[in-house]
Full PDB file with SEQRES, HELIX, SHEET, SSBOND, CRYST1, ORIGX, SCALE, CONECT and MASTER records, all heavy atoms in Angstrom:
SEQRES   1 A   37  LEU GLU ALA LEU ASP TYR LEU ILE LYS PRO ILE PRO PHE          
SEQRES   2 A   37  GLU ARG PHE ILE LYS ALA VAL ASN ARG TYR PHE LYS LEU          
SEQRES   3 A   37  LYS LYS HIS ASP TYR GLN ILE PRO GLU LYS LYS                  
HELIX    1 AA1 PHE A   13  LEU A   26  1                                  14    
CRYST1    1.000    1.000    1.000  90.00  90.00  90.00 P 1           1          
ORIGX1      1.000000  0.000000  0.000000        0.00000                         
ORIGX2      0.000000  1.000000  0.000000        0.00000                         
ORIGX3      0.000000  0.000000  1.000000        0.00000                         
SCALE1      1.000000  0.000000  0.000000        0.00000                         
SCALE2      0.000000  1.000000  0.000000        0.00000                         
SCALE3      0.000000  0.000000  1.000000        0.00000                         
ATOM      1  N   LEU A   1     -15.316   8.323  -4.068  1.00  0.00           N  
ATOM      2  CA  LEU A   1     -15.748   7.600  -2.852  1.00  0.00           C  
ATOM      3  C   LEU A   1     -14.690   7.565  -1.845  1.00  0.00           C  
ATOM      4  O   LEU A   1     -14.756   6.836  -0.787  1.00  0.00           O  
ATOM      5  CB  LEU A   1     -16.150   6.195  -3.220  1.00  0.00           C  
ATOM      6  CG  LEU A   1     -17.480   6.055  -4.064  1.00  0.00           C  
ATOM      7  CD1 LEU A   1     -17.649   4.667  -4.599  1.00  0.00           C  
ATOM      8  CD2 LEU A   1     -18.690   6.482  -3.238  1.00  0.00           C  
ATOM      9  N   GLU A   2     -13.562   8.247  -2.066  1.00  0.00           N  
ATOM     10  CA  GLU A   2     -12.410   8.385  -1.112  1.00  0.00           C  
ATOM     11  C   GLU A   2     -11.808   7.047  -0.830  1.00  0.00           C  
ATOM     12  O   GLU A   2     -11.351   6.741   0.310  1.00  0.00           O  
ATOM     13  CB  GLU A   2     -12.943   9.032   0.184  1.00  0.00           C  
ATOM     14  CG  GLU A   2     -13.300  10.491  -0.098  1.00  0.00           C  
ATOM     15  CD  GLU A   2     -13.588  11.273   1.180  1.00  0.00           C  
ATOM     16  OE1 GLU A   2     -13.747  10.648   2.240  1.00  0.00           O  
ATOM     17  OE2 GLU A   2     -13.724  12.497   1.105  1.00  0.00           O  
ATOM     18  N   ALA A   3     -11.683   6.150  -1.795  1.00  0.00           N  
ATOM     19  CA  ALA A   3     -10.936   4.934  -1.655  1.00  0.00           C  
ATOM     20  C   ALA A   3      -9.489   5.332  -1.582  1.00  0.00           C  
ATOM     21  O   ALA A   3      -8.957   6.261  -2.143  1.00  0.00           O  
ATOM     22  CB  ALA A   3     -11.166   4.032  -2.963  1.00  0.00           C  
ATOM     23  N   LEU A   4      -8.774   4.494  -0.783  1.00  0.00           N  
ATOM     24  CA  LEU A   4      -7.367   4.724  -0.505  1.00  0.00           C  
ATOM     25  C   LEU A   4      -6.393   4.466  -1.814  1.00  0.00           C  
ATOM     26  O   LEU A   4      -5.565   5.167  -2.100  1.00  0.00           O  
ATOM     27  CB  LEU A   4      -6.872   4.069   0.645  1.00  0.00           C  
ATOM     28  CG  LEU A   4      -5.396   4.206   1.095  1.00  0.00           C  
ATOM     29  CD1 LEU A   4      -5.076   5.656   1.470  1.00  0.00           C  
ATOM     30  CD2 LEU A   4      -4.942   3.174   2.164  1.00  0.00           C  
ATOM     31  N   ASP A   5      -6.806   3.423  -2.425  1.00  0.00           N  
ATOM     32  CA  ASP A   5      -5.988   2.946  -3.573  1.00  0.00           C  
ATOM     33  C   ASP A   5      -6.857   2.146  -4.616  1.00  0.00           C  
ATOM     34  O   ASP A   5      -8.033   1.769  -4.215  1.00  0.00           O  
ATOM     35  CB  ASP A   5      -4.793   2.194  -3.158  1.00  0.00           C  
ATOM     36  CG  ASP A   5      -3.515   2.448  -3.998  1.00  0.00           C  
ATOM     37  OD1 ASP A   5      -3.855   2.699  -5.229  1.00  0.00           O  
ATOM     38  OD2 ASP A   5      -2.488   2.121  -3.588  1.00  0.00           O  
ATOM     39  N   TYR A   6      -6.315   2.031  -5.746  1.00  0.00           N  
ATOM     40  CA  TYR A   6      -7.067   1.347  -6.787  1.00  0.00           C  
ATOM     41  C   TYR A   6      -6.114   0.366  -7.586  1.00  0.00           C  
ATOM     42  O   TYR A   6      -5.110   0.879  -8.285  1.00  0.00           O  
ATOM     43  CB  TYR A   6      -7.559   2.386  -7.716  1.00  0.00           C  
ATOM     44  CG  TYR A   6      -8.506   1.908  -8.827  1.00  0.00           C  
ATOM     45  CD1 TYR A   6      -9.905   2.021  -8.526  1.00  0.00           C  
ATOM     46  CD2 TYR A   6      -8.047   1.367 -10.070  1.00  0.00           C  
ATOM     47  CE1 TYR A   6     -10.839   1.516  -9.632  1.00  0.00           C  
ATOM     48  CE2 TYR A   6      -9.028   1.005 -11.021  1.00  0.00           C  
ATOM     49  CZ  TYR A   6     -10.346   1.029 -10.767  1.00  0.00           C  
ATOM     50  OH  TYR A   6     -11.342   0.757 -11.769  1.00  0.00           O  
ATOM     51  N   LEU A   7      -6.048  -0.873  -7.231  1.00  0.00           N  
ATOM     52  CA  LEU A   7      -5.228  -1.888  -7.838  1.00  0.00           C  
ATOM     53  C   LEU A   7      -5.783  -2.593  -8.876  1.00  0.00           C  
ATOM     54  O   LEU A   7      -6.958  -3.212  -8.881  1.00  0.00           O  
ATOM     55  CB  LEU A   7      -4.934  -2.883  -6.608  1.00  0.00           C  
ATOM     56  CG  LEU A   7      -4.405  -2.345  -5.323  1.00  0.00           C  
ATOM     57  CD1 LEU A   7      -3.964  -3.498  -4.362  1.00  0.00           C  
ATOM     58  CD2 LEU A   7      -3.158  -1.384  -5.573  1.00  0.00           C  
ATOM     59  N   ILE A   8      -5.043  -2.686 -10.051  1.00  0.00           N  
ATOM     60  CA  ILE A   8      -5.561  -3.363 -11.305  1.00  0.00           C  
ATOM     61  C   ILE A   8      -4.971  -4.782 -11.338  1.00  0.00           C  
ATOM     62  O   ILE A   8      -3.667  -5.028 -11.129  1.00  0.00           O  
ATOM     63  CB  ILE A   8      -4.989  -2.584 -12.507  1.00  0.00           C  
ATOM     64  CG1 ILE A   8      -5.448  -1.136 -12.544  1.00  0.00           C  
ATOM     65  CG2 ILE A   8      -5.338  -3.245 -13.761  1.00  0.00           C  
ATOM     66  CD1 ILE A   8      -6.905  -1.040 -12.701  1.00  0.00           C  
ATOM     67  N   LYS A   9      -5.795  -5.674 -11.537  1.00  0.00           N  
ATOM     68  CA  LYS A   9      -5.399  -7.125 -11.587  1.00  0.00           C  
ATOM     69  C   LYS A   9      -4.777  -7.343 -12.953  1.00  0.00           C  
ATOM     70  O   LYS A   9      -5.098  -6.658 -14.030  1.00  0.00           O  
ATOM     71  CB  LYS A   9      -6.574  -8.012 -11.583  1.00  0.00           C  
ATOM     72  CG  LYS A   9      -7.449  -7.910 -10.252  1.00  0.00           C  
ATOM     73  CD  LYS A   9      -8.634  -8.739 -10.272  1.00  0.00           C  
ATOM     74  CE  LYS A   9      -9.548  -8.602  -9.150  1.00  0.00           C  
ATOM     75  NZ  LYS A   9     -10.774  -9.363  -9.170  1.00  0.00           N  
ATOM     76  N   PRO A  10      -3.719  -8.284 -12.938  1.00  0.00           N  
ATOM     77  CA  PRO A  10      -3.209  -9.052 -11.905  1.00  0.00           C  
ATOM     78  C   PRO A  10      -2.332  -8.110 -11.129  1.00  0.00           C  
ATOM     79  O   PRO A  10      -1.614  -7.254 -11.560  1.00  0.00           O  
ATOM     80  CB  PRO A  10      -2.403 -10.069 -12.603  1.00  0.00           C  
ATOM     81  CG  PRO A  10      -1.942  -9.364 -13.892  1.00  0.00           C  
ATOM     82  CD  PRO A  10      -3.145  -8.599 -14.314  1.00  0.00           C  
ATOM     83  N   ILE A  11      -2.471  -8.252  -9.785  1.00  0.00           N  
ATOM     84  CA  ILE A  11      -1.829  -7.445  -8.856  1.00  0.00           C  
ATOM     85  C   ILE A  11      -0.503  -7.867  -8.294  1.00  0.00           C  
ATOM     86  O   ILE A  11      -0.469  -9.045  -7.692  1.00  0.00           O  
ATOM     87  CB  ILE A  11      -2.746  -7.109  -7.593  1.00  0.00           C  
ATOM     88  CG1 ILE A  11      -4.131  -6.550  -8.005  1.00  0.00           C  
ATOM     89  CG2 ILE A  11      -2.075  -6.267  -6.543  1.00  0.00           C  
ATOM     90  CD1 ILE A  11      -5.185  -6.622  -6.838  1.00  0.00           C  
ATOM     91  N   PRO A  12       0.658  -7.324  -8.729  1.00  0.00           N  
ATOM     92  CA  PRO A  12       1.982  -7.727  -8.124  1.00  0.00           C  
ATOM     93  C   PRO A  12       2.057  -7.555  -6.707  1.00  0.00           C  
ATOM     94  O   PRO A  12       1.507  -6.593  -6.137  1.00  0.00           O  
ATOM     95  CB  PRO A  12       2.966  -6.826  -8.933  1.00  0.00           C  
ATOM     96  CG  PRO A  12       2.159  -6.154 -10.088  1.00  0.00           C  
ATOM     97  CD  PRO A  12       0.756  -6.079  -9.556  1.00  0.00           C  
ATOM     98  N   PHE A  13       2.794  -8.419  -6.036  1.00  0.00           N  
ATOM     99  CA  PHE A  13       2.932  -8.294  -4.574  1.00  0.00           C  
ATOM    100  C   PHE A  13       3.580  -6.986  -4.224  1.00  0.00           C  
ATOM    101  O   PHE A  13       3.132  -6.321  -3.177  1.00  0.00           O  
ATOM    102  CB  PHE A  13       3.843  -9.406  -4.133  1.00  0.00           C  
ATOM    103  CG  PHE A  13       3.978  -9.509  -2.531  1.00  0.00           C  
ATOM    104  CD1 PHE A  13       2.885  -9.499  -1.805  1.00  0.00           C  
ATOM    105  CD2 PHE A  13       5.234  -9.386  -1.921  1.00  0.00           C  
ATOM    106  CE1 PHE A  13       2.937  -9.604  -0.400  1.00  0.00           C  
ATOM    107  CE2 PHE A  13       5.321  -9.488  -0.602  1.00  0.00           C  
ATOM    108  CZ  PHE A  13       4.190  -9.557   0.287  1.00  0.00           C  
ATOM    109  N   GLU A  14       4.517  -6.411  -5.040  1.00  0.00           N  
ATOM    110  CA  GLU A  14       5.118  -5.099  -4.772  1.00  0.00           C  
ATOM    111  C   GLU A  14       4.154  -4.050  -4.795  1.00  0.00           C  
ATOM    112  O   GLU A  14       4.231  -3.105  -3.889  1.00  0.00           O  
ATOM    113  CB  GLU A  14       6.145  -4.856  -5.700  1.00  0.00           C  
ATOM    114  CG  GLU A  14       7.436  -5.741  -5.598  1.00  0.00           C  
ATOM    115  CD  GLU A  14       7.262  -7.179  -6.209  1.00  0.00           C  
ATOM    116  OE1 GLU A  14       6.299  -7.306  -6.868  1.00  0.00           O  
ATOM    117  OE2 GLU A  14       8.124  -8.061  -6.017  1.00  0.00           O  
ATOM    118  N   ARG A  15       3.141  -4.118  -5.674  1.00  0.00           N  
ATOM    119  CA  ARG A  15       2.011  -3.153  -5.658  1.00  0.00           C  
ATOM    120  C   ARG A  15       1.158  -3.197  -4.465  1.00  0.00           C  
ATOM    121  O   ARG A  15       0.790  -2.218  -3.997  1.00  0.00           O  
ATOM    122  CB  ARG A  15       1.218  -3.254  -7.022  1.00  0.00           C  
ATOM    123  CG  ARG A  15       0.152  -2.168  -7.260  1.00  0.00           C  
ATOM    124  CD  ARG A  15       0.854  -0.807  -7.337  1.00  0.00           C  
ATOM    125  NE  ARG A  15      -0.112   0.238  -7.468  1.00  0.00           N  
ATOM    126  CZ  ARG A  15      -0.767   0.893  -6.548  1.00  0.00           C  
ATOM    127  NH1 ARG A  15      -0.290   0.695  -5.165  1.00  0.00           N  
ATOM    128  NH2 ARG A  15      -1.689   1.681  -6.685  1.00  0.00           N  
ATOM    129  N   PHE A  16       0.823  -4.470  -4.088  1.00  0.00           N  
ATOM    130  CA  PHE A  16       0.088  -4.640  -2.905  1.00  0.00           C  
ATOM    131  C   PHE A  16       0.785  -4.078  -1.696  1.00  0.00           C  
ATOM    132  O   PHE A  16       0.149  -3.470  -0.811  1.00  0.00           O  
ATOM    133  CB  PHE A  16      -0.065  -6.168  -2.605  1.00  0.00           C  
ATOM    134  CG  PHE A  16      -0.800  -6.544  -1.446  1.00  0.00           C  
ATOM    135  CD1 PHE A  16      -2.165  -6.508  -1.346  1.00  0.00           C  
ATOM    136  CD2 PHE A  16      -0.161  -6.959  -0.272  1.00  0.00           C  
ATOM    137  CE1 PHE A  16      -2.968  -7.011  -0.218  1.00  0.00           C  
ATOM    138  CE2 PHE A  16      -0.797  -7.350   0.854  1.00  0.00           C  
ATOM    139  CZ  PHE A  16      -2.071  -7.306   0.964  1.00  0.00           C  
ATOM    140  N   ILE A  17       2.149  -4.336  -1.513  1.00  0.00           N  
ATOM    141  CA  ILE A  17       2.938  -3.705  -0.430  1.00  0.00           C  
ATOM    142  C   ILE A  17       2.708  -2.163  -0.455  1.00  0.00           C  
ATOM    143  O   ILE A  17       2.529  -1.529   0.660  1.00  0.00           O  
ATOM    144  CB  ILE A  17       4.307  -4.148  -0.564  1.00  0.00           C  
ATOM    145  CG1 ILE A  17       4.451  -5.674  -0.138  1.00  0.00           C  
ATOM    146  CG2 ILE A  17       5.202  -3.311   0.453  1.00  0.00           C  
ATOM    147  CD1 ILE A  17       5.807  -6.228  -0.316  1.00  0.00           C  
ATOM    148  N   LYS A  18       2.833  -1.587  -1.612  1.00  0.00           N  
ATOM    149  CA  LYS A  18       2.786  -0.136  -1.685  1.00  0.00           C  
ATOM    150  C   LYS A  18       1.490   0.415  -1.248  1.00  0.00           C  
ATOM    151  O   LYS A  18       1.406   1.403  -0.432  1.00  0.00           O  
ATOM    152  CB  LYS A  18       3.056   0.310  -3.153  1.00  0.00           C  
ATOM    153  CG  LYS A  18       3.217   1.715  -3.213  1.00  0.00           C  
ATOM    154  CD  LYS A  18       3.391   2.026  -4.886  1.00  0.00           C  
ATOM    155  CE  LYS A  18       3.757   3.540  -5.059  1.00  0.00           C  
ATOM    156  NZ  LYS A  18       5.102   3.785  -4.765  1.00  0.00           N  
ATOM    157  N   ALA A  19       0.354  -0.282  -1.540  1.00  0.00           N  
ATOM    158  CA  ALA A  19      -0.954   0.154  -1.014  1.00  0.00           C  
ATOM    159  C   ALA A  19      -1.143  -0.059   0.397  1.00  0.00           C  
ATOM    160  O   ALA A  19      -1.633   0.862   1.108  1.00  0.00           O  
ATOM    161  CB  ALA A  19      -2.035  -0.722  -1.742  1.00  0.00           C  
ATOM    162  N   VAL A  20      -0.561  -1.170   0.958  1.00  0.00           N  
ATOM    163  CA  VAL A  20      -0.670  -1.460   2.411  1.00  0.00           C  
ATOM    164  C   VAL A  20       0.178  -0.344   3.232  1.00  0.00           C  
ATOM    165  O   VAL A  20      -0.253   0.159   4.230  1.00  0.00           O  
ATOM    166  CB  VAL A  20      -0.236  -2.781   2.710  1.00  0.00           C  
ATOM    167  CG1 VAL A  20      -0.103  -2.973   4.207  1.00  0.00           C  
ATOM    168  CG2 VAL A  20      -1.205  -3.847   2.214  1.00  0.00           C  
ATOM    169  N   ASN A  21       1.321  -0.059   2.693  1.00  0.00           N  
ATOM    170  CA  ASN A  21       2.169   0.955   3.338  1.00  0.00           C  
ATOM    171  C   ASN A  21       1.403   2.304   3.304  1.00  0.00           C  
ATOM    172  O   ASN A  21       1.632   3.036   4.270  1.00  0.00           O  
ATOM    173  CB  ASN A  21       3.505   1.056   2.710  1.00  0.00           C  
ATOM    174  CG  ASN A  21       4.606   0.110   3.152  1.00  0.00           C  
ATOM    175  OD1 ASN A  21       4.360  -0.375   4.242  1.00  0.00           O  
ATOM    176  ND2 ASN A  21       5.614  -0.180   2.331  1.00  0.00           N  
ATOM    177  N   ARG A  22       0.680   2.571   2.336  1.00  0.00           N  
ATOM    178  CA  ARG A  22      -0.120   3.835   2.207  1.00  0.00           C  
ATOM    179  C   ARG A  22      -1.118   3.947   3.381  1.00  0.00           C  
ATOM    180  O   ARG A  22      -1.347   4.982   4.008  1.00  0.00           O  
ATOM    181  CB  ARG A  22      -0.709   3.926   0.912  1.00  0.00           C  
ATOM    182  CG  ARG A  22      -1.544   5.232   0.691  1.00  0.00           C  
ATOM    183  CD  ARG A  22      -2.056   5.385  -0.624  1.00  0.00           C  
ATOM    184  NE  ARG A  22      -1.024   5.573  -1.585  1.00  0.00           N  
ATOM    185  CZ  ARG A  22      -1.201   5.361  -2.992  1.00  0.00           C  
ATOM    186  NH1 ARG A  22      -2.244   4.983  -3.437  1.00  0.00           N  
ATOM    187  NH2 ARG A  22      -0.099   5.525  -3.780  1.00  0.00           N  
ATOM    188  N   TYR A  23      -1.643   2.729   3.682  1.00  0.00           N  
ATOM    189  CA  TYR A  23      -2.634   2.602   4.684  1.00  0.00           C  
ATOM    190  C   TYR A  23      -1.901   2.930   6.028  1.00  0.00           C  
ATOM    191  O   TYR A  23      -2.335   3.618   6.879  1.00  0.00           O  
ATOM    192  CB  TYR A  23      -3.340   1.203   4.817  1.00  0.00           C  
ATOM    193  CG  TYR A  23      -4.152   0.957   5.973  1.00  0.00           C  
ATOM    194  CD1 TYR A  23      -5.446   1.436   6.020  1.00  0.00           C  
ATOM    195  CD2 TYR A  23      -3.630   0.328   7.129  1.00  0.00           C  
ATOM    196  CE1 TYR A  23      -6.260   1.212   7.207  1.00  0.00           C  
ATOM    197  CE2 TYR A  23      -4.429   0.125   8.223  1.00  0.00           C  
ATOM    198  CZ  TYR A  23      -5.748   0.576   8.241  1.00  0.00           C  
ATOM    199  OH  TYR A  23      -6.480   0.453   9.336  1.00  0.00           O  
ATOM    200  N   PHE A  24      -0.789   2.119   6.229  1.00  0.00           N  
ATOM    201  CA  PHE A  24      -0.011   2.461   7.510  1.00  0.00           C  
ATOM    202  C   PHE A  24       0.363   3.883   7.740  1.00  0.00           C  
ATOM    203  O   PHE A  24       0.242   4.392   8.815  1.00  0.00           O  
ATOM    204  CB  PHE A  24       1.277   1.632   7.489  1.00  0.00           C  
ATOM    205  CG  PHE A  24       1.002   0.090   7.514  1.00  0.00           C  
ATOM    206  CD1 PHE A  24       1.943  -0.673   6.964  1.00  0.00           C  
ATOM    207  CD2 PHE A  24      -0.052  -0.442   8.195  1.00  0.00           C  
ATOM    208  CE1 PHE A  24       1.738  -2.157   7.005  1.00  0.00           C  
ATOM    209  CE2 PHE A  24      -0.311  -1.737   8.174  1.00  0.00           C  
ATOM    210  CZ  PHE A  24       0.628  -2.646   7.635  1.00  0.00           C  
ATOM    211  N   LYS A  25       0.770   4.557   6.610  1.00  0.00           N  
ATOM    212  CA  LYS A  25       0.964   6.016   6.800  1.00  0.00           C  
ATOM    213  C   LYS A  25      -0.247   6.863   7.100  1.00  0.00           C  
ATOM    214  O   LYS A  25      -0.094   7.695   7.929  1.00  0.00           O  
ATOM    215  CB  LYS A  25       1.614   6.421   5.508  1.00  0.00           C  
ATOM    216  CG  LYS A  25       3.019   5.974   5.151  1.00  0.00           C  
ATOM    217  CD  LYS A  25       3.574   6.592   3.736  1.00  0.00           C  
ATOM    218  CE  LYS A  25       4.923   6.090   3.563  1.00  0.00           C  
ATOM    219  NZ  LYS A  25       5.413   6.499   2.201  1.00  0.00           N  
ATOM    220  N   LEU A  26      -1.292   6.526   6.499  1.00  0.00           N  
ATOM    221  CA  LEU A  26      -2.624   7.231   6.742  1.00  0.00           C  
ATOM    222  C   LEU A  26      -2.938   7.024   8.098  1.00  0.00           C  
ATOM    223  O   LEU A  26      -3.467   8.162   8.852  1.00  0.00           O  
ATOM    224  CB  LEU A  26      -3.605   6.657   5.818  1.00  0.00           C  
ATOM    225  CG  LEU A  26      -4.986   7.275   5.943  1.00  0.00           C  
ATOM    226  CD1 LEU A  26      -5.057   8.664   5.426  1.00  0.00           C  
ATOM    227  CD2 LEU A  26      -6.073   6.459   5.147  1.00  0.00           C  
ATOM    228  N   LYS A  27      -2.815   5.894   8.767  1.00  0.00           N  
ATOM    229  CA  LYS A  27      -3.288   5.744  10.142  1.00  0.00           C  
ATOM    230  C   LYS A  27      -2.142   5.883  11.164  1.00  0.00           C  
ATOM    231  O   LYS A  27      -2.269   5.630  12.274  1.00  0.00           O  
ATOM    232  CB  LYS A  27      -3.831   4.237  10.169  1.00  0.00           C  
ATOM    233  CG  LYS A  27      -4.966   3.873   9.282  1.00  0.00           C  
ATOM    234  CD  LYS A  27      -6.158   4.730   9.679  1.00  0.00           C  
ATOM    235  CE  LYS A  27      -7.315   4.475   8.780  1.00  0.00           C  
ATOM    236  NZ  LYS A  27      -8.496   5.241   9.165  1.00  0.00           N  
ATOM    237  N   LYS A  28      -1.083   6.362  10.668  1.00  0.00           N  
ATOM    238  CA  LYS A  28       0.157   6.584  11.530  1.00  0.00           C  
ATOM    239  C   LYS A  28       0.599   5.485  12.371  1.00  0.00           C  
ATOM    240  O   LYS A  28       0.978   5.576  13.425  1.00  0.00           O  
ATOM    241  CB  LYS A  28      -0.261   7.847  12.413  1.00  0.00           C  
ATOM    242  CG  LYS A  28      -0.505   9.164  11.746  1.00  0.00           C  
ATOM    243  CD  LYS A  28      -0.678  10.331  12.746  1.00  0.00           C  
ATOM    244  CE  LYS A  28      -0.762  11.653  12.081  1.00  0.00           C  
ATOM    245  NZ  LYS A  28      -0.883  12.801  12.828  1.00  0.00           N  
ATOM    246  N   HIS A  29       0.478   4.313  11.577  1.00  0.00           N  
ATOM    247  CA  HIS A  29       1.258   3.060  12.249  1.00  0.00           C  
ATOM    248  C   HIS A  29       2.632   3.216  12.197  1.00  0.00           C  
ATOM    249  O   HIS A  29       3.258   3.728  11.238  1.00  0.00           O  
ATOM    250  CB  HIS A  29       0.639   1.807  11.490  1.00  0.00           C  
ATOM    251  CG  HIS A  29      -0.795   1.473  11.857  1.00  0.00           C  
ATOM    252  ND1 HIS A  29      -1.134   1.322  13.205  1.00  0.00           N  
ATOM    253  CD2 HIS A  29      -1.814   1.259  11.067  1.00  0.00           C  
ATOM    254  CE1 HIS A  29      -2.547   0.990  13.110  1.00  0.00           C  
ATOM    255  NE2 HIS A  29      -2.947   0.897  11.882  1.00  0.00           N  
ATOM    256  N   ASP A  30       3.299   2.507  13.087  1.00  0.00           N  
ATOM    257  CA  ASP A  30       4.782   2.469  13.060  1.00  0.00           C  
ATOM    258  C   ASP A  30       5.227   1.368  12.039  1.00  0.00           C  
ATOM    259  O   ASP A  30       6.416   1.343  11.614  1.00  0.00           O  
ATOM    260  CB  ASP A  30       5.323   1.980  14.419  1.00  0.00           C  
ATOM    261  CG  ASP A  30       5.142   3.173  15.393  1.00  0.00           C  
ATOM    262  OD1 ASP A  30       5.104   4.306  14.967  1.00  0.00           O  
ATOM    263  OD2 ASP A  30       4.979   2.862  16.660  1.00  0.00           O  
ATOM    264  N   TYR A  31       4.348   0.482  11.554  1.00  0.00           N  
ATOM    265  CA  TYR A  31       4.661  -0.495  10.569  1.00  0.00           C  
ATOM    266  C   TYR A  31       5.132   0.132   9.286  1.00  0.00           C  
ATOM    267  O   TYR A  31       4.778   1.112   8.880  1.00  0.00           O  
ATOM    268  CB  TYR A  31       3.488  -1.386  10.277  1.00  0.00           C  
ATOM    269  CG  TYR A  31       2.586  -1.735  11.452  1.00  0.00           C  
ATOM    270  CD1 TYR A  31       1.229  -1.863  11.262  1.00  0.00           C  
ATOM    271  CD2 TYR A  31       3.175  -2.115  12.682  1.00  0.00           C  
ATOM    272  CE1 TYR A  31       0.441  -2.146  12.348  1.00  0.00           C  
ATOM    273  CE2 TYR A  31       2.254  -2.479  13.768  1.00  0.00           C  
ATOM    274  CZ  TYR A  31       0.892  -2.441  13.590  1.00  0.00           C  
ATOM    275  OH  TYR A  31       0.055  -2.729  14.603  1.00  0.00           O  
ATOM    276  N   GLN A  32       6.013  -0.602   8.658  1.00  0.00           N  
ATOM    277  CA  GLN A  32       6.496  -0.243   7.303  1.00  0.00           C  
ATOM    278  C   GLN A  32       7.093  -1.411   6.699  1.00  0.00           C  
ATOM    279  O   GLN A  32       8.102  -1.951   7.238  1.00  0.00           O  
ATOM    280  CB  GLN A  32       7.493   0.933   7.304  1.00  0.00           C  
ATOM    281  CG  GLN A  32       7.552   1.678   5.967  1.00  0.00           C  
ATOM    282  CD  GLN A  32       6.328   2.358   5.570  1.00  0.00           C  
ATOM    283  OE1 GLN A  32       6.058   2.578   4.457  1.00  0.00           O  
ATOM    284  NE2 GLN A  32       5.447   2.693   6.506  1.00  0.00           N  
ATOM    285  N   ILE A  33       6.636  -1.747   5.469  1.00  0.00           N  
ATOM    286  CA  ILE A  33       7.099  -2.927   4.746  1.00  0.00           C  
ATOM    287  C   ILE A  33       8.090  -2.453   3.758  1.00  0.00           C  
ATOM    288  O   ILE A  33       7.831  -1.620   3.006  1.00  0.00           O  
ATOM    289  CB  ILE A  33       5.987  -3.712   4.122  1.00  0.00           C  
ATOM    290  CG1 ILE A  33       4.839  -3.988   5.012  1.00  0.00           C  
ATOM    291  CG2 ILE A  33       6.503  -5.109   3.407  1.00  0.00           C  
ATOM    292  CD1 ILE A  33       3.634  -4.329   4.337  1.00  0.00           C  
ATOM    293  N   PRO A  34       9.367  -3.032   3.721  1.00  0.00           N  
ATOM    294  CA  PRO A  34      10.316  -2.583   2.818  1.00  0.00           C  
ATOM    295  C   PRO A  34       9.893  -2.715   1.398  1.00  0.00           C  
ATOM    296  O   PRO A  34       9.254  -3.796   1.021  1.00  0.00           O  
ATOM    297  CB  PRO A  34      11.632  -3.522   3.058  1.00  0.00           C  
ATOM    298  CG  PRO A  34      11.352  -3.981   4.398  1.00  0.00           C  
ATOM    299  CD  PRO A  34       9.915  -4.082   4.689  1.00  0.00           C  
ATOM    300  N   GLU A  35      10.081  -1.647   0.559  1.00  0.00           N  
ATOM    301  CA  GLU A  35       9.823  -1.632  -0.807  1.00  0.00           C  
ATOM    302  C   GLU A  35      11.073  -1.493  -1.587  1.00  0.00           C  
ATOM    303  O   GLU A  35      12.053  -0.908  -1.094  1.00  0.00           O  
ATOM    304  CB  GLU A  35       8.813  -0.553  -1.162  1.00  0.00           C  
ATOM    305  CG  GLU A  35       7.566  -0.538  -0.458  1.00  0.00           C  
ATOM    306  CD  GLU A  35       6.630   0.602  -0.715  1.00  0.00           C  
ATOM    307  OE1 GLU A  35       6.739   1.249  -1.857  1.00  0.00           O  
ATOM    308  OE2 GLU A  35       5.907   1.085   0.146  1.00  0.00           O  
ATOM    309  N   LYS A  36      11.006  -1.966  -2.879  1.00  0.00           N  
ATOM    310  CA  LYS A  36      12.157  -1.801  -3.777  1.00  0.00           C  
ATOM    311  C   LYS A  36      12.045  -0.313  -4.225  1.00  0.00           C  
ATOM    312  O   LYS A  36      11.038   0.161  -4.759  1.00  0.00           O  
ATOM    313  CB  LYS A  36      11.899  -2.693  -5.050  1.00  0.00           C  
ATOM    314  CG  LYS A  36      12.098  -4.087  -4.763  1.00  0.00           C  
ATOM    315  CD  LYS A  36      12.015  -4.950  -6.097  1.00  0.00           C  
ATOM    316  CE  LYS A  36      12.285  -6.385  -5.775  1.00  0.00           C  
ATOM    317  NZ  LYS A  36      12.076  -7.266  -7.020  1.00  0.00           N  
ATOM    318  N   LYS A  37      13.168   0.437  -3.936  1.00  0.00           N  
ATOM    319  CA  LYS A  37      13.307   1.721  -4.388  1.00  0.00           C  
ATOM    320  C   LYS A  37      13.892   1.971  -5.609  1.00  0.00           C  
ATOM    321  O   LYS A  37      15.033   1.307  -5.918  1.00  0.00           O  
ATOM    322  CB  LYS A  37      14.091   2.570  -3.256  1.00  0.00           C  
ATOM    323  CG  LYS A  37      13.373   2.511  -1.811  1.00  0.00           C  
ATOM    324  CD  LYS A  37      12.094   3.268  -1.938  1.00  0.00           C  
ATOM    325  CE  LYS A  37      11.477   3.372  -0.509  1.00  0.00           C  
ATOM    326  NZ  LYS A  37      10.229   4.012  -0.499  1.00  0.00           N  
TER     327      LYS A  37                                                      
MASTER        0    0    0    1    0    0    0    6  326    1    0    3          
END                                                                             
């Protein structure tokens, strides 16, 4: 169904950030939330 991501509960905040950053990249937003590398 072309979902952008699939998060399994319980969802850690770090995983939530990763999914949101993927959305920003997809839409070419300048936003970017720091992630633990």
